[in-house]
């Protein structure tokens, strides 16, 4: 064997030895790293994935708990709110009832004292700003109704308005305004005042009058009445004629349309100082008898 060939074989042997040694060294290293990878990285990877799912589940659970918590709080708040509303409503009703009782007591006090009743009614109906009258006239009407009931139930204790008082109040109520709603209020109060006047007539001149009212209607439309006493009736008059001679109204209410004849009838009744009234009211021009009853 030549020296050159021997040297080449030596180099090849050395390389194979080195490679063999490297393989011997690398195989355990690779095995070691593989074990470390399995021991370290894979669990972390699994843990990471599990954590993601866990976090998702936790988030869902937390969201569900928050939602339930909020729903519970809302329900509790609603219950507390409703309880508060019911209590406030109850308290308000109690206060309103107390207020109504106070007002009723005030009405009874005023309606039982002529020195208070007359000035109160005059102030409530005197010429004033429209807005003030819209507020005061309905109260005046209610006060008249109380005074009327008082006069019926306790005639000896009733505060009877004098004819002068009634005349002054009547004058205020017959005032015309541009406000149709106000005129309607004034007219309704005139009808209440006329009803009160018929109770006063019964106290002054008799006959005995029952406290209650019937719903029986007495129509004056196209009628001629003489020497009659109408007691406890609902007196009606539309836009038609009527002829009354010595007729008395005792404890009556009035359903009279506003118009020329209706106003004249109420004026005559309210301004008269006698026990009965006499008045002839012709029908309006072109009126056909019986039209009022249609």
C-alpha atoms as a PDB file:
ATOM      1  CA  UNK A   1       0.000   0.000   0.000  1.00  0.00           C
ATOM      2  CA  UNK A   2       1.393   3.364  -0.947  1.00  0.00           C
ATOM      3  CA  UNK A   3       1.846   6.224   1.422  1.00  0.00           C
ATOM      4  CA  UNK A   4      -0.787   8.320  -0.435  1.00  0.00           C
ATOM      5  CA  UNK A   5      -3.392   5.602  -0.241  1.00  0.00           C
ATOM      6  CA  UNK A   6      -2.658   5.008   3.418  1.00  0.00           C
ATOM      7  CA  UNK A   7      -3.057   8.716   4.151  1.00  0.00           C
ATOM      8  CA  UNK A   8      -6.431   8.874   2.362  1.00  0.00           C
ATOM      9  CA  UNK A   9      -7.693   5.878   4.294  1.00  0.00           C
ATOM     10  CA  UNK A  10      -6.563   7.529   7.507  1.00  0.00           C
ATOM     11  CA  UNK A  11      -8.488  10.737   6.699  1.00  0.00           C
ATOM     12  CA  UNK A  12     -11.631   8.766   5.784  1.00  0.00           C
ATOM     13  CA  UNK A  13     -11.373   6.779   8.975  1.00  0.00           C
ATOM     14  CA  UNK A  14     -10.961   9.924  10.992  1.00  0.00           C
ATOM     15  CA  UNK A  15     -14.010  11.560   9.287  1.00  0.00           C
ATOM     16  CA  UNK A  16     -16.105   8.475   9.879  1.00  0.00           C
ATOM     17  CA  UNK A  17     -14.966   8.411  13.468  1.00  0.00           C
ATOM     18  CA  UNK A  18     -15.892  12.075  13.894  1.00  0.00           C
ATOM     19  CA  UNK A  19     -19.278  11.575  12.246  1.00  0.00           C
ATOM     20  CA  UNK A  20     -19.851   8.517  14.307  1.00  0.00           C
ATOM     21  CA  UNK A  21     -18.910  10.376  17.423  1.00  0.00           C
ATOM     22  CA  UNK A  22     -21.148  13.283  16.462  1.00  0.00           C
ATOM     23  CA  UNK A  23     -24.012  10.921  15.894  1.00  0.00           C
ATOM     24  CA  UNK A  24     -23.362   9.333  19.260  1.00  0.00           C
ATOM     25  CA  UNK A  25     -23.393  12.759  20.878  1.00  0.00           C
ATOM     26  CA  UNK A  26     -26.308  14.245  18.866  1.00  0.00           C
ATOM     27  CA  UNK A  27     -28.691  11.370  19.326  1.00  0.00           C
ATOM     28  CA  UNK A  28     -28.784  11.690  23.104  1.00  0.00           C
ATOM     29  CA  UNK A  29     -28.965  15.493  22.732  1.00  0.00           C
ATOM     30  CA  UNK A  30     -31.867  15.267  20.303  1.00  0.00           C
ATOM     31  CA  UNK A  31     -33.536  12.777  22.573  1.00  0.00           C
ATOM     32  CA  UNK A  32     -32.960  15.084  25.523  1.00  0.00           C
ATOM     33  CA  UNK A  33     -34.301  18.126  23.671  1.00  0.00           C
ATOM     34  CA  UNK A  34     -37.276  16.138  22.479  1.00  0.00           C
ATOM     35  CA  UNK A  35     -38.071  15.129  26.035  1.00  0.00           C
ATOM     36  CA  UNK A  36     -37.645  18.736  27.175  1.00  0.00           C
ATOM     37  CA  UNK A  37     -39.932  19.878  24.363  1.00  0.00           C
ATOM     38  CA  UNK A  38     -42.525  17.345  25.374  1.00  0.00           C
ATOM     39  CA  UNK A  39     -42.044  18.137  29.042  1.00  0.00           C
ATOM     40  CA  UNK A  40     -41.974  21.929  28.728  1.00  0.00           C
ATOM     41  CA  UNK A  41     -43.408  23.372  25.532  1.00  0.00           C
ATOM     42  CA  UNK A  42     -46.242  20.914  24.862  1.00  0.00           C
ATOM     43  CA  UNK A  43     -47.809  21.356  28.332  1.00  0.00           C
ATOM     44  CA  UNK A  44     -47.533  25.132  27.964  1.00  0.00           C
ATOM     45  CA  UNK A  45     -49.160  24.941  24.582  1.00  0.00           C
ATOM     46  CA  UNK A  46     -51.918  22.765  25.987  1.00  0.00           C
ATOM     47  CA  UNK A  47     -52.206  25.051  28.987  1.00  0.00           C
ATOM     48  CA  UNK A  48     -52.462  28.052  26.715  1.00  0.00           C
ATOM     49  CA  UNK A  49     -55.226  26.466  24.682  1.00  0.00           C
ATOM     50  CA  UNK A  50     -57.008  25.275  27.802  1.00  0.00           C
ATOM     51  CA  UNK A  51     -56.678  28.763  29.287  1.00  0.00           C
ATOM     52  CA  UNK A  52     -58.192  30.277  26.187  1.00  0.00           C
ATOM     53  CA  UNK A  53     -61.175  27.983  26.464  1.00  0.00           C
ATOM     54  CA  UNK A  54     -61.252  28.454  30.210  1.00  0.00           C
ATOM     55  CA  UNK A  55     -61.113  32.224  29.828  1.00  0.00           C
ATOM     56  CA  UNK A  56     -63.930  32.018  27.302  1.00  0.00           C
ATOM     57  CA  UNK A  57     -66.012  29.922  29.679  1.00  0.00           C
ATOM     58  CA  UNK A  58     -65.159  32.215  32.565  1.00  0.00           C
ATOM     59  CA  UNK A  59     -66.075  35.263  30.521  1.00  0.00           C
ATOM     60  CA  UNK A  60     -69.375  33.684  29.574  1.00  0.00           C
ATOM     61  CA  UNK A  61     -70.001  32.715  33.183  1.00  0.00           C
ATOM     62  CA  UNK A  62     -69.061  36.169  34.436  1.00  0.00           C
ATOM     63  CA  UNK A  63     -71.253  37.822  31.787  1.00  0.00           C
ATOM     64  CA  UNK A  64     -74.134  35.547  32.786  1.00  0.00           C
ATOM     65  CA  UNK A  65     -73.630  36.357  36.454  1.00  0.00           C
ATOM     66  CA  UNK A  66     -73.419  40.071  35.714  1.00  0.00           C
ATOM     67  CA  UNK A  67     -76.575  39.869  33.617  1.00  0.00           C
ATOM     68  CA  UNK A  68     -78.410  37.966  36.351  1.00  0.00           C
ATOM     69  CA  UNK A  69     -77.109  40.386  38.949  1.00  0.00           C
ATOM     70  CA  UNK A  70     -78.228  43.389  36.945  1.00  0.00           C
ATOM     71  CA  UNK A  71     -81.616  41.775  36.282  1.00  0.00           C
ATOM     72  CA  UNK A  72     -81.995  41.131  39.995  1.00  0.00           C
ATOM     73  CA  UNK A  73     -81.041  44.695  40.831  1.00  0.00           C
ATOM     74  CA  UNK A  74     -83.509  46.022  38.254  1.00  0.00           C
ATOM     75  CA  UNK A  75     -86.249  43.802  39.642  1.00  0.00           C
ATOM     76  CA  UNK A  76     -85.466  44.914  43.180  1.00  0.00           C
ATOM     77  CA  UNK A  77     -85.350  48.554  42.088  1.00  0.00           C
ATOM     78  CA  UNK A  78     -88.680  48.128  40.284  1.00  0.00           C
ATOM     79  CA  UNK A  79     -90.262  46.644  43.383  1.00  0.00           C
ATOM     80  CA  UNK A  80     -88.899  49.440  45.543  1.00  0.00           C
ATOM     81  CA  UNK A  81     -90.011  52.016  42.975  1.00  0.00           C
ATOM     82  CA  UNK A  82     -93.525  50.554  42.764  1.00  0.00           C
ATOM     83  CA  UNK A  83     -93.721  50.399  46.539  1.00  0.00           C
ATOM     84  CA  UNK A  84     -92.698  54.042  46.732  1.00  0.00           C
ATOM     85  CA  UNK A  85     -95.238  55.001  44.056  1.00  0.00           C
ATOM     86  CA  UNK A  86     -98.019  53.120  45.852  1.00  0.00           C
ATOM     87  CA  UNK A  87     -97.113  54.738  49.135  1.00  0.00           C
ATOM     88  CA  UNK A  88     -96.913  58.188  47.532  1.00  0.00           C
ATOM     89  CA  UNK A  89    -100.263  57.547  45.815  1.00  0.00           C
ATOM     90  CA  UNK A  90    -101.793  56.483  49.122  1.00  0.00           C
ATOM     91  CA  UNK A  91    -100.323  59.509  50.899  1.00  0.00           C
ATOM     92  CA  UNK A  92    -101.521  61.782  48.086  1.00  0.00           C
ATOM     93  CA  UNK A  93    -105.046  60.362  48.315  1.00  0.00           C
ATOM     94  CA  UNK A  94    -105.016  60.930  52.049  1.00  0.00           C
ATOM     95  CA  UNK A  95    -103.884  64.510  51.535  1.00  0.00           C
ATOM     96  CA  UNK A  96    -106.522  65.030  48.838  1.00  0.00           C
ATOM     97  CA  UNK A  97    -109.213  63.606  51.124  1.00  0.00           C
ATOM     98  CA  UNK A  98    -108.028  65.895  53.899  1.00  0.00           C
ATOM     99  CA  UNK A  99    -108.078  68.822  51.472  1.00  0.00           C
ATOM    100  CA  UNK A 100    -111.611  67.967  50.327  1.00  0.00           C
ATOM    101  CA  UNK A 101    -112.729  67.746  53.947  1.00  0.00           C
ATOM    102  CA  UNK A 102    -111.130  71.108  54.660  1.00  0.00           C
ATOM    103  CA  UNK A 103    -112.852  72.646  51.628  1.00  0.00           C
ATOM    104  CA  UNK A 104    -116.192  71.100  52.600  1.00  0.00           C
ATOM    105  CA  UNK A 105    -115.797  72.451  56.127  1.00  0.00           C
ATOM    106  CA  UNK A 106    -114.969  75.846  54.678  1.00  0.00           C
ATOM    107  CA  UNK A 107    -118.024  75.750  52.401  1.00  0.00           C
ATOM    108  CA  UNK A 108    -120.226  74.763  55.335  1.00  0.00           C
ATOM    109  CA  UNK A 109    -118.831  77.599  57.404  1.00  0.00           C
ATOM    110  CA  UNK A 110    -119.319  80.175  54.642  1.00  0.00           C
ATOM    111  CA  UNK A 111    -122.756  78.933  53.580  1.00  0.00           C
ATOM    112  CA  UNK A 112    -123.942  79.133  57.210  1.00  0.00           C
ATOM    113  CA  UNK A 113    -122.939  82.761  57.759  1.00  0.00           C
ATOM    114  CA  UNK A 114    -124.655  85.495  55.720  1.00  0.00           C
ATOM    115  CA  UNK A 115    -121.987  88.041  56.647  1.00  0.00           C
ATOM    116  CA  UNK A 116    -119.420  85.813  54.900  1.00  0.00           C
ATOM    117  CA  UNK A 117    -121.577  84.245  52.179  1.00  0.00           C
ATOM    118  CA  UNK A 118    -122.739  87.442  50.465  1.00  0.00           C
ATOM    119  CA  UNK A 119    -119.283  89.136  50.194  1.00  0.00           C
ATOM    120  CA  UNK A 120    -117.694  85.867  49.044  1.00  0.00           C
ATOM    121  CA  UNK A 121    -120.234  85.408  46.240  1.00  0.00           C
ATOM    122  CA  UNK A 122    -119.891  89.030  45.167  1.00  0.00           C
ATOM    123  CA  UNK A 123    -116.088  88.817  45.022  1.00  0.00           C
ATOM    124  CA  UNK A 124    -116.275  85.572  43.093  1.00  0.00           C
ATOM    125  CA  UNK A 125    -118.529  87.057  40.403  1.00  0.00           C
ATOM    126  CA  UNK A 126    -117.494  90.693  40.159  1.00  0.00           C
ATOM    127  CA  UNK A 127    -116.019  92.082  36.963  1.00  0.00           C
ATOM    128  CA  UNK A 128    -112.404  91.138  36.790  1.00  0.00           C
ATOM    129  CA  UNK A 129    -109.798  89.675  34.504  1.00  0.00           C
ATOM    130  CA  UNK A 130    -111.182  86.781  32.404  1.00  0.00           C
ATOM    131  CA  UNK A 131    -108.678  84.283  33.775  1.00  0.00           C
ATOM    132  CA  UNK A 132    -109.651  85.162  37.357  1.00  0.00           C
ATOM    133  CA  UNK A 133    -113.348  84.741  36.633  1.00  0.00           C
ATOM    134  CA  UNK A 134    -112.816  81.367  34.975  1.00  0.00           C
ATOM    135  CA  UNK A 135    -111.316  80.197  38.279  1.00  0.00           C
ATOM    136  CA  UNK A 136    -113.677  81.911  40.720  1.00  0.00           C
ATOM    137  CA  UNK A 137    -117.077  81.457  39.038  1.00  0.00           C
ATOM    138  CA  UNK A 138    -117.114  77.615  39.274  1.00  0.00           C
ATOM    139  CA  UNK A 139    -116.182  77.914  42.951  1.00  0.00           C
ATOM    140  CA  UNK A 140    -119.003  80.426  43.395  1.00  0.00           C
ATOM    141  CA  UNK A 141    -121.418  77.976  41.782  1.00  0.00           C
ATOM    142  CA  UNK A 142    -120.323  75.185  44.126  1.00  0.00           C
ATOM    143  CA  UNK A 143    -120.638  77.484  47.111  1.00  0.00           C
ATOM    144  CA  UNK A 144    -124.186  78.354  46.018  1.00  0.00           C
ATOM    145  CA  UNK A 145    -124.994  74.642  45.821  1.00  0.00           C
ATOM    146  CA  UNK A 146    -123.709  74.195  49.403  1.00  0.00           C
ATOM    147  CA  UNK A 147    -125.756  77.182  50.559  1.00  0.00           C
ATOM    148  CA  UNK A 148    -128.797  75.726  48.816  1.00  0.00           C
ATOM    149  CA  UNK A 149    -128.350  72.316  50.480  1.00  0.00           C
ATOM    150  CA  UNK A 150    -127.852  74.020  53.835  1.00  0.00           C
ATOM    151  CA  UNK A 151    -131.062  76.022  53.391  1.00  0.00           C
ATOM    152  CA  UNK A 152    -132.993  72.853  52.517  1.00  0.00           C
ATOM    153  CA  UNK A 153    -131.659  70.727  55.371  1.00  0.00           C
ATOM    154  CA  UNK A 154    -131.576  73.420  58.074  1.00  0.00           C
ATOM    155  CA  UNK A 155    -133.791  76.301  56.967  1.00  0.00           C
ATOM    156  CA  UNK A 156    -133.710  77.955  60.395  1.00  0.00           C
ATOM    157  CA  UNK A 157    -129.894  77.927  60.398  1.00  0.00           C
ATOM    158  CA  UNK A 158    -129.415  78.817  56.723  1.00  0.00           C
ATOM    159  CA  UNK A 159    -127.659  81.981  55.640  1.00  0.00           C
ATOM    160  CA  UNK A 160    -130.318  83.495  53.385  1.00  0.00           C
ATOM    161  CA  UNK A 161    -129.049  86.125  50.979  1.00  0.00           C
ATOM    162  CA  UNK A 162    -130.981  89.351  50.924  1.00  0.00           C
ATOM    163  CA  UNK A 163    -132.640  90.524  47.732  1.00  0.00           C
ATOM    164  CA  UNK A 164    -130.049  93.290  47.469  1.00  0.00           C
ATOM    165  CA  UNK A 165    -127.257  90.670  47.574  1.00  0.00           C
ATOM    166  CA  UNK A 166    -128.967  88.569  44.913  1.00  0.00           C
ATOM    167  CA  UNK A 167    -129.477  91.627  42.693  1.00  0.00           C
ATOM    168  CA  UNK A 168    -125.768  92.527  42.860  1.00  0.00           C
ATOM    169  CA  UNK A 169    -124.646  88.991  42.111  1.00  0.00           C
ATOM    170  CA  UNK A 170    -127.168  88.746  39.282  1.00  0.00           C
ATOM    171  CA  UNK A 171    -125.806  91.928  37.721  1.00  0.00           C
ATOM    172  CA  UNK A 172    -122.276  90.518  37.780  1.00  0.00           C
ATOM    173  CA  UNK A 173    -123.349  87.228  36.209  1.00  0.00           C
ATOM    174  CA  UNK A 174    -125.268  88.879  33.355  1.00  0.00           C
ATOM    175  CA  UNK A 175    -122.119  90.660  32.168  1.00  0.00           C
ATOM    176  CA  UNK A 176    -121.163  89.603  28.627  1.00  0.00           C
ATOM    177  CA  UNK A 177    -117.561  88.758  27.713  1.00  0.00           C
ATOM    178  CA  UNK A 178    -115.824  87.843  24.490  1.00  0.00           C
ATOM    179  CA  UNK A 179    -114.797  84.512  25.996  1.00  0.00           C
ATOM    180  CA  UNK A 180    -117.541  81.979  25.172  1.00  0.00           C
ATOM    181  CA  UNK A 181    -116.300  79.514  27.811  1.00  0.00           C
ATOM    182  CA  UNK A 182    -116.529  82.208  30.472  1.00  0.00           C
ATOM    183  CA  UNK A 183    -120.035  83.186  29.335  1.00  0.00           C
ATOM    184  CA  UNK A 184    -121.048  79.538  29.651  1.00  0.00           C
ATOM    185  CA  UNK A 185    -119.677  79.440  33.222  1.00  0.00           C
ATOM    186  CA  UNK A 186    -121.564  82.627  34.084  1.00  0.00           C
ATOM    187  CA  UNK A 187    -124.810  81.237  32.678  1.00  0.00           C
ATOM    188  CA  UNK A 188    -124.482  77.960  34.631  1.00  0.00           C
ATOM    189  CA  UNK A 189    -123.910  80.020  37.779  1.00  0.00           C
ATOM    190  CA  UNK A 190    -127.020  82.089  36.998  1.00  0.00           C
ATOM    191  CA  UNK A 191    -129.039  78.868  36.806  1.00  0.00           C
ATOM    192  CA  UNK A 192    -127.617  77.789  40.184  1.00  0.00           C
ATOM    193  CA  UNK A 193    -128.455  81.187  41.668  1.00  0.00           C
ATOM    194  CA  UNK A 194    -132.032  80.884  40.363  1.00  0.00           C
ATOM    195  CA  UNK A 195    -132.285  77.465  42.020  1.00  0.00           C
ATOM    196  CA  UNK A 196    -131.047  78.987  45.279  1.00  0.00           C
ATOM    197  CA  UNK A 197    -133.624  81.767  44.981  1.00  0.00           C
ATOM    198  CA  UNK A 198    -136.460  79.214  44.771  1.00  0.00           C
ATOM    199  CA  UNK A 199    -135.245  77.663  48.043  1.00  0.00           C
ATOM    200  CA  UNK A 200    -135.174  81.117  49.658  1.00  0.00           C
ATOM    201  CA  UNK A 201    -138.737  81.649  48.401  1.00  0.00           C
ATOM    202  CA  UNK A 202    -139.860  78.467  50.143  1.00  0.00           C
ATOM    203  CA  UNK A 203    -138.197  79.544  53.416  1.00  0.00           C
ATOM    204  CA  UNK A 204    -139.775  82.993  53.277  1.00  0.00           C
ATOM    205  CA  UNK A 205    -143.245  82.211  52.014  1.00  0.00           C
ATOM    206  CA  UNK A 206    -143.704  78.440  52.265  1.00  0.00           C
ATOM    207  CA  UNK A 207    -144.833  75.819  51.524  1.00  0.00           C
ATOM    208  CA  UNK A 208    -142.748  73.150  53.220  1.00  0.00           C
ATOM    209  CA  UNK A 209    -140.123  71.800  50.825  1.00  0.00           C
ATOM    210  CA  UNK A 210    -138.487  68.404  50.852  1.00  0.00           C
ATOM    211  CA  UNK A 211    -134.653  68.358  50.925  1.00  0.00           C
ATOM    212  CA  UNK A 212    -134.426  66.090  47.886  1.00  0.00           C
ATOM    213  CA  UNK A 213    -135.134  66.842  44.240  1.00  0.00           C
ATOM    214  CA  UNK A 214    -137.079  64.789  41.775  1.00  0.00           C
ATOM    215  CA  UNK A 215    -136.100  64.398  38.138  1.00  0.00           C
ATOM    216  CA  UNK A 216    -139.605  65.326  37.048  1.00  0.00           C
ATOM    217  CA  UNK A 217    -139.552  67.952  34.316  1.00  0.00           C
ATOM    218  CA  UNK A 218    -141.825  70.963  34.075  1.00  0.00           C
ATOM    219  CA  UNK A 219    -141.625  72.380  30.554  1.00  0.00           C
ATOM    220  CA  UNK A 220    -142.585  76.025  30.060  1.00  0.00           C
ATOM    221  CA  UNK A 221    -142.312  75.833  26.287  1.00  0.00           C
ATOM    222  CA  UNK A 222    -145.395  77.383  24.647  1.00  0.00           C
ATOM    223  CA  UNK A 223    -147.211  77.205  28.000  1.00  0.00           C
ATOM    224  CA  UNK A 224    -149.698  79.468  29.751  1.00  0.00           C
ATOM    225  CA  UNK A 225    -149.698  79.026  33.520  1.00  0.00           C
ATOM    226  CA  UNK A 226    -151.761  80.932  36.083  1.00  0.00           C
ATOM    227  CA  UNK A 227    -151.893  80.796  39.897  1.00  0.00           C
ATOM    228  CA  UNK A 228    -149.636  77.736  40.125  1.00  0.00           C
ATOM    229  CA  UNK A 229    -146.885  76.602  42.495  1.00  0.00           C
ATOM    230  CA  UNK A 230    -144.187  74.447  40.911  1.00  0.00           C
ATOM    231  CA  UNK A 231    -142.337  72.500  43.614  1.00  0.00           C
ATOM    232  CA  UNK A 232    -139.196  70.384  43.258  1.00  0.00           C
ATOM    233  CA  UNK A 233    -139.183  70.213  39.458  1.00  0.00           C
ATOM    234  CA  UNK A 234    -136.609  70.620  36.710  1.00  0.00           C
ATOM    235  CA  UNK A 235    -137.888  73.692  34.881  1.00  0.00           C
ATOM    236  CA  UNK A 236    -137.161  73.786  31.151  1.00  0.00           C
ATOM    237  CA  UNK A 237    -137.422  76.604  28.642  1.00  0.00           C
ATOM    238  CA  UNK A 238    -135.977  76.592  25.126  1.00  0.00           C
ATOM    239  CA  UNK A 239    -136.106  79.331  22.460  1.00  0.00           C
ATOM    240  CA  UNK A 240    -139.883  79.734  22.497  1.00  0.00           C
ATOM    241  CA  UNK A 241    -142.663  81.709  24.185  1.00  0.00           C
ATOM    242  CA  UNK A 242    -144.221  81.394  27.645  1.00  0.00           C
ATOM    243  CA  UNK A 243    -146.982  83.187  29.573  1.00  0.00           C
ATOM    244  CA  UNK A 244    -146.837  83.088  33.374  1.00  0.00           C
ATOM    245  CA  UNK A 245    -149.392  84.710  35.682  1.00  0.00           C
ATOM    246  CA  UNK A 246    -148.840  84.556  39.425  1.00  0.00           C
ATOM    247  CA  UNK A 247    -146.590  81.496  39.233  1.00  0.00           C
ATOM    248  CA  UNK A 248    -144.254  80.407  42.028  1.00  0.00           C
ATOM    249  CA  UNK A 249    -141.159  78.227  41.837  1.00  0.00           C
ATOM    250  CA  UNK A 250    -140.155  76.427  45.052  1.00  0.00           C
ATOM    251  CA  UNK A 251    -137.030  74.238  45.377  1.00  0.00           C
ATOM    252  CA  UNK A 252    -136.614  73.956  41.605  1.00  0.00           C
ATOM    253  CA  UNK A 253    -133.635  73.590  39.315  1.00  0.00           C
ATOM    254  CA  UNK A 254    -133.454  75.165  35.881  1.00  0.00           C
ATOM    255  CA  UNK A 255    -132.579  73.861  32.449  1.00  0.00           C
ATOM    256  CA  UNK A 256    -133.026  77.062  30.477  1.00  0.00           C
ATOM    257  CA  UNK A 257    -131.343  77.844  27.162  1.00  0.00           C
ATOM    258  CA  UNK A 258    -129.507  81.129  26.961  1.00  0.00           C
ATOM    259  CA  UNK A 259    -131.332  83.524  24.700  1.00  0.00           C
ATOM    260  CA  UNK A 260    -133.645  86.519  24.933  1.00  0.00           C
ATOM    261  CA  UNK A 261    -136.537  84.708  26.619  1.00  0.00           C
ATOM    262  CA  UNK A 262    -134.310  82.624  28.871  1.00  0.00           C
ATOM    263  CA  UNK A 263    -132.464  85.709  30.138  1.00  0.00           C
ATOM    264  CA  UNK A 264    -135.709  87.621  30.725  1.00  0.00           C
ATOM    265  CA  UNK A 265    -137.190  84.735  32.689  1.00  0.00           C
ATOM    266  CA  UNK A 266    -134.149  84.487  34.978  1.00  0.00           C
ATOM    267  CA  UNK A 267    -133.921  88.257  35.462  1.00  0.00           C
ATOM    268  CA  UNK A 268    -137.577  88.438  36.433  1.00  0.00           C
ATOM    269  CA  UNK A 269    -137.228  85.528  38.863  1.00  0.00           C
ATOM    270  CA  UNK A 270    -133.962  86.716  40.438  1.00  0.00           C
ATOM    271  CA  UNK A 271    -134.826  90.417  40.748  1.00  0.00           C
ATOM    272  CA  UNK A 272    -138.377  89.944  42.041  1.00  0.00           C
ATOM    273  CA  UNK A 273    -139.001  90.512  45.754  1.00  0.00           C
ATOM    274  CA  UNK A 274    -142.424  88.920  45.599  1.00  0.00           C
ATOM    275  CA  UNK A 275    -143.482  85.382  46.232  1.00  0.00           C
ATOM    276  CA  UNK A 276    -144.573  84.828  42.623  1.00  0.00           C
ATOM    277  CA  UNK A 277    -143.766  86.200  39.170  1.00  0.00           C
ATOM    278  CA  UNK A 278    -145.778  87.194  36.144  1.00  0.00           C
ATOM    279  CA  UNK A 279    -144.210  87.498  32.724  1.00  0.00           C
ATOM    280  CA  UNK A 280    -145.235  87.070  29.115  1.00  0.00           C
ATOM    281  CA  UNK A 281    -142.518  86.178  26.644  1.00  0.00           C
ATOM    282  CA  UNK A 282    -143.530  85.981  22.981  1.00  0.00           C
ATOM    283  CA  UNK A 283    -141.836  83.452  20.712  1.00  0.00           C
ATOM    284  CA  UNK A 284    -139.109  84.735  18.381  1.00  0.00           C
ATOM    285  CA  UNK A 285    -140.103  85.967  14.891  1.00  0.00           C
ATOM    286  CA  UNK A 286    -140.859  83.164  12.449  1.00  0.00           C
ATOM    287  CA  UNK A 287    -141.291  80.627  15.271  1.00  0.00           C
ATOM    288  CA  UNK A 288    -143.675  77.755  14.587  1.00  0.00           C
ATOM    289  CA  UNK A 289    -145.463  76.493  17.692  1.00  0.00           C
ATOM    290  CA  UNK A 290    -144.125  73.154  18.869  1.00  0.00           C
ATOM    291  CA  UNK A 291    -140.607  73.572  17.475  1.00  0.00           C
ATOM    292  CA  UNK A 292    -139.148  73.742  21.015  1.00  0.00           C
ATOM    293  CA  UNK A 293    -140.333  70.236  21.793  1.00  0.00           C
ATOM    294  CA  UNK A 294    -138.722  68.667  18.697  1.00  0.00           C
END
